[in-house]
Amino acid sequence: MFLAKSFPPLSTARFAGKPGWNRSPRLLLFSRRRSASLALLLLPLAGCGYQVAGKTNALPPGVKVIAIPAFTNQTHRFRIEQMVTSAVTRAFIERTSFQVTHTPAGADALLKGSITSVEAAAVTFDPNTGRATTFQVSVTASVELIDLHTHKALFKNPKYVFREEYQISPNAAGIFEEDQPALERVSRAFANELVTDIVENF
């Protein structure tokens, strides 16, 4: 990755008396312009990170409004469907130009989702006590985007799987006591990847 380097202002005092230095103002202006042009050429190479979804929208042009009703929850984990639905809605609003609604009425496409499983498993243990110190939470979901004009599936993935690790405090009363932040991170990761897959990889 190349980074655009900022060049300090040229000063004739720095080069005064040095062999071969031409003090002509026209040459000095040319040198400054050349430095500025080089910086502008290198500037696009400085950008790193993912591209914001929506800039390469590959969905049918007739899709302008997407309905995102609440995901269903087929697990025993309380409120996980609310976290995922909220994260997906926020991701579509913040990262795309689509209008988002909660009901299919007036929408061009319907995003249906269901949380099918939430699991947690110990990853690392304290070598002295044998007590679990790190757990991994895994969330699996089924997602489908349906064109409400043609009633065809525009996108479908019956097994989205997302995982996040979290630490267990030595004073925690139970293994699930501290997994709420992990579930929230998994929900955000789910939402961001889902938007990218639907909008850019259709």
Protein backbone atom coordinates (compact mmCIF):
# COMPACT_ATOMS: atom_id res chain seq x y z
CA MET A 1 0.00 0.00 0.00
CA PHE A 2 1.41 3.39 -1.00
CA LEU A 3 0.74 6.51 1.03
CA ALA A 4 0.65 9.99 -0.41
CA LYS A 5 3.55 11.95 1.06
CA SER A 6 3.06 15.59 1.87
CA PHE A 7 5.90 17.71 0.58
CA PRO A 8 7.12 20.75 2.56
CA PRO A 9 6.96 24.13 0.83
CA LEU A 10 10.02 24.79 -1.30
CA SER A 11 12.19 27.64 -0.20
CA THR A 12 14.95 29.31 -2.21
CA ALA A 13 16.85 29.85 1.03
CA ARG A 14 17.37 26.11 1.42
CA PHE A 15 19.17 25.89 -1.91
CA ALA A 16 20.88 29.29 -2.03
CA GLY A 17 24.51 29.00 -3.06
CA LYS A 18 24.29 25.32 -3.97
CA PRO A 19 25.75 24.33 -7.35
CA GLY A 20 23.27 23.92 -10.17
CA TRP A 21 20.37 25.66 -8.35
CA ASN A 22 18.37 27.98 -10.58
CA ARG A 23 16.60 30.69 -8.62
CA SER A 24 14.17 31.38 -11.46
CA PRO A 25 10.59 31.85 -10.04
CA ARG A 26 9.18 30.03 -13.08
CA LEU A 27 11.27 26.90 -12.34
CA LEU A 28 10.31 27.08 -8.68
CA LEU A 29 6.61 27.20 -9.61
CA PHE A 30 7.07 24.22 -11.95
CA SER A 31 8.71 22.20 -9.15
CA ARG A 32 5.86 22.94 -6.78
CA ARG A 33 3.27 21.96 -9.36
CA ARG A 34 5.11 18.70 -10.08
CA SER A 35 5.16 17.83 -6.35
CA ALA A 36 1.45 18.58 -6.01
CA SER A 37 0.63 16.46 -9.07
CA LEU A 38 2.60 13.52 -7.67
CA ALA A 39 0.75 13.75 -4.37
CA LEU A 40 -2.61 13.72 -6.19
CA LEU A 41 -1.60 10.66 -8.21
CA LEU A 42 -0.62 8.73 -5.08
CA LEU A 43 -3.66 9.79 -3.03
CA PRO A 44 -6.09 7.13 -4.40
CA LEU A 45 -3.60 4.42 -3.43
CA ALA A 46 -3.75 5.48 0.20
CA GLY A 47 -7.27 4.21 0.76
CA CYS A 48 -7.57 0.92 2.64
CA GLY A 49 -10.56 -0.97 4.02
CA TYR A 50 -13.80 -2.29 2.60
CA GLN A 51 -15.87 -0.51 -0.01
CA VAL A 52 -19.17 0.88 1.22
CA ALA A 53 -22.00 -1.25 -0.06
CA GLY A 54 -24.40 0.43 -2.46
CA LYS A 55 -21.70 1.88 -4.72
CA THR A 56 -21.81 -1.28 -6.82
CA ASN A 57 -25.48 -2.11 -6.49
CA ALA A 58 -26.15 -5.29 -8.45
CA LEU A 59 -29.80 -5.75 -7.52
CA PRO A 60 -32.49 -5.24 -10.19
CA PRO A 61 -33.07 -1.52 -10.86
CA GLY A 62 -36.71 -1.85 -9.84
CA VAL A 63 -35.73 -2.58 -6.24
CA LYS A 64 -35.82 0.73 -4.38
CA VAL A 65 -37.62 -0.13 -1.14
CA ILE A 66 -36.74 -3.15 0.99
CA ALA A 67 -39.01 -4.43 3.74
CA ILE A 68 -37.18 -5.88 6.75
CA PRO A 69 -39.69 -7.30 9.25
CA ALA A 70 -38.49 -8.77 12.54
CA PHE A 71 -36.50 -11.98 12.20
CA THR A 72 -38.03 -15.05 13.77
CA ASN A 73 -36.30 -16.84 16.62
CA GLN A 74 -36.20 -20.63 16.61
CA THR A 75 -33.82 -20.76 19.58
CA HIS A 76 -34.16 -20.33 23.32
CA ARG A 77 -31.85 -17.31 23.39
CA PHE A 78 -33.87 -14.31 24.51
CA ARG A 79 -33.95 -11.25 22.19
CA ILE A 80 -31.33 -12.50 19.73
CA GLU A 81 -33.76 -11.91 16.84
CA GLN A 82 -34.23 -8.30 17.96
CA MET A 83 -30.49 -7.64 17.99
CA VAL A 84 -30.01 -9.14 14.52
CA THR A 85 -33.02 -7.36 13.00
CA SER A 86 -31.90 -4.02 14.41
CA ALA A 87 -28.34 -4.51 13.15
CA VAL A 88 -29.46 -5.51 9.64
CA THR A 89 -31.86 -2.56 9.39
CA ARG A 90 -29.17 -0.14 10.54
CA ALA A 91 -26.64 -1.57 8.07
CA PHE A 92 -29.00 -1.14 5.11
CA ILE A 93 -29.81 2.44 6.13
CA GLU A 94 -26.21 3.47 6.77
CA ARG A 95 -24.48 1.62 3.92
CA THR A 96 -26.94 1.70 1.01
CA SER A 97 -29.33 4.08 -0.73
CA PHE A 98 -32.34 1.77 -0.35
CA GLN A 99 -35.40 2.89 1.55
CA VAL A 100 -36.15 0.54 4.44
CA THR A 101 -39.54 -0.29 5.86
CA HIS A 102 -40.84 -2.83 8.37
CA THR A 103 -43.85 -3.96 6.33
CA PRO A 104 -44.10 -5.39 2.79
CA ALA A 105 -46.82 -2.91 1.78
CA GLY A 106 -45.34 -0.63 -0.87
CA ALA A 107 -41.96 -2.39 -0.84
CA ASP A 108 -40.16 -3.82 -3.85
CA ALA A 109 -38.38 -6.62 -1.99
CA LEU A 110 -38.83 -8.51 1.25
CA LEU A 111 -35.97 -9.69 3.44
CA LYS A 112 -37.00 -12.72 5.50
CA GLY A 113 -34.74 -14.01 8.22
CA SER A 114 -34.77 -16.62 10.96
CA ILE A 115 -32.28 -17.35 13.73
CA THR A 116 -31.97 -21.14 13.73
CA SER A 117 -29.36 -21.76 16.42
CA VAL A 118 -27.22 -20.06 19.05
CA GLU A 119 -24.43 -22.11 20.61
CA ALA A 120 -21.53 -21.49 22.98
CA ALA A 121 -18.47 -23.65 23.52
CA ALA A 122 -15.36 -23.35 25.66
CA VAL A 123 -12.21 -22.47 23.70
CA THR A 124 -9.51 -22.02 26.36
CA PHE A 125 -9.15 -23.13 29.97
CA ASP A 126 -7.24 -21.99 33.02
CA PRO A 127 -4.36 -24.51 33.37
CA ASN A 128 -4.46 -24.25 37.18
CA THR A 129 -8.18 -24.55 37.85
CA GLY A 130 -9.41 -26.20 34.65
CA ARG A 131 -12.13 -23.53 34.49
CA ALA A 132 -13.15 -22.19 31.06
CA THR A 133 -11.74 -18.71 30.43
CA THR A 134 -12.77 -18.10 26.81
CA PHE A 135 -15.99 -19.09 25.09
CA GLN A 136 -17.01 -18.89 21.46
CA VAL A 137 -20.60 -18.00 20.63
CA SER A 138 -21.96 -19.14 17.27
CA VAL A 139 -25.13 -17.83 15.61
CA THR A 140 -26.72 -19.52 12.58
CA ALA A 141 -29.45 -17.89 10.51
CA SER A 142 -31.48 -18.47 7.37
CA VAL A 143 -31.98 -15.44 5.08
CA GLU A 144 -33.89 -14.87 1.84
CA LEU A 145 -34.53 -11.71 -0.21
CA ILE A 146 -37.67 -11.97 -2.37
CA ASP A 147 -38.60 -9.70 -5.28
CA LEU A 148 -42.21 -8.75 -4.54
CA HIS A 149 -42.88 -7.93 -8.21
CA THR A 150 -41.72 -11.23 -9.67
CA HIS A 151 -41.95 -13.32 -6.47
CA LYS A 152 -38.51 -14.73 -7.23
CA ALA A 153 -35.69 -15.12 -4.73
CA LEU A 154 -33.01 -12.51 -5.35
CA PHE A 155 -30.76 -13.87 -2.63
CA LYS A 156 -30.85 -16.93 -0.40
CA ASN A 157 -28.58 -18.42 2.22
CA PRO A 158 -30.15 -21.03 4.51
CA LYS A 159 -27.07 -21.30 6.73
CA TYR A 160 -25.35 -18.08 7.66
CA VAL A 161 -22.89 -18.85 10.47
CA PHE A 162 -21.16 -16.17 12.57
CA ARG A 163 -18.85 -16.66 15.52
CA GLU A 164 -17.41 -14.42 18.23
CA GLU A 165 -15.16 -15.15 21.20
CA TYR A 166 -15.52 -13.59 24.64
CA GLN A 167 -13.71 -13.79 27.93
CA ILE A 168 -15.23 -15.20 31.12
CA SER A 169 -14.54 -13.27 34.29
CA PRO A 170 -13.28 -15.38 37.23
CA ASN A 171 -16.18 -13.96 39.26
CA ALA A 172 -18.87 -14.72 36.68
CA ALA A 173 -21.79 -16.70 38.07
CA GLY A 174 -22.52 -18.53 34.82
CA ILE A 175 -20.99 -19.13 31.41
CA PHE A 176 -23.63 -17.03 29.63
CA GLU A 177 -23.38 -14.06 31.97
CA GLU A 178 -20.95 -12.14 29.76
CA ASP A 179 -21.98 -13.21 26.27
CA GLN A 180 -24.33 -10.27 25.58
CA PRO A 181 -21.56 -8.06 24.11
CA ALA A 182 -20.39 -11.02 22.02
CA LEU A 183 -23.90 -11.54 20.63
CA GLU A 184 -24.12 -7.85 19.77
CA ARG A 185 -20.80 -8.03 17.90
CA VAL A 186 -21.96 -11.14 16.04
CA SER A 187 -25.17 -9.33 15.07
CA ARG A 188 -23.22 -6.40 13.62
CA ALA A 189 -20.87 -8.73 11.74
CA PHE A 190 -23.86 -10.64 10.39
CA ALA A 191 -25.52 -7.42 9.22
CA ASN A 192 -22.46 -5.98 7.50
CA GLU A 193 -21.63 -9.17 5.63
CA LEU A 194 -25.26 -9.72 4.66
CA VAL A 195 -25.54 -6.24 3.14
CA THR A 196 -22.30 -6.78 1.21
CA ASP A 197 -23.42 -10.17 -0.10
CA ILE A 198 -26.85 -8.94 -1.18
CA VAL A 199 -25.89 -5.61 -2.71
CA GLU A 200 -22.49 -6.34 -4.24
CA ASN A 201 -22.47 -10.06 -4.97
CA PHE A 202 -25.98 -10.56 -6.34
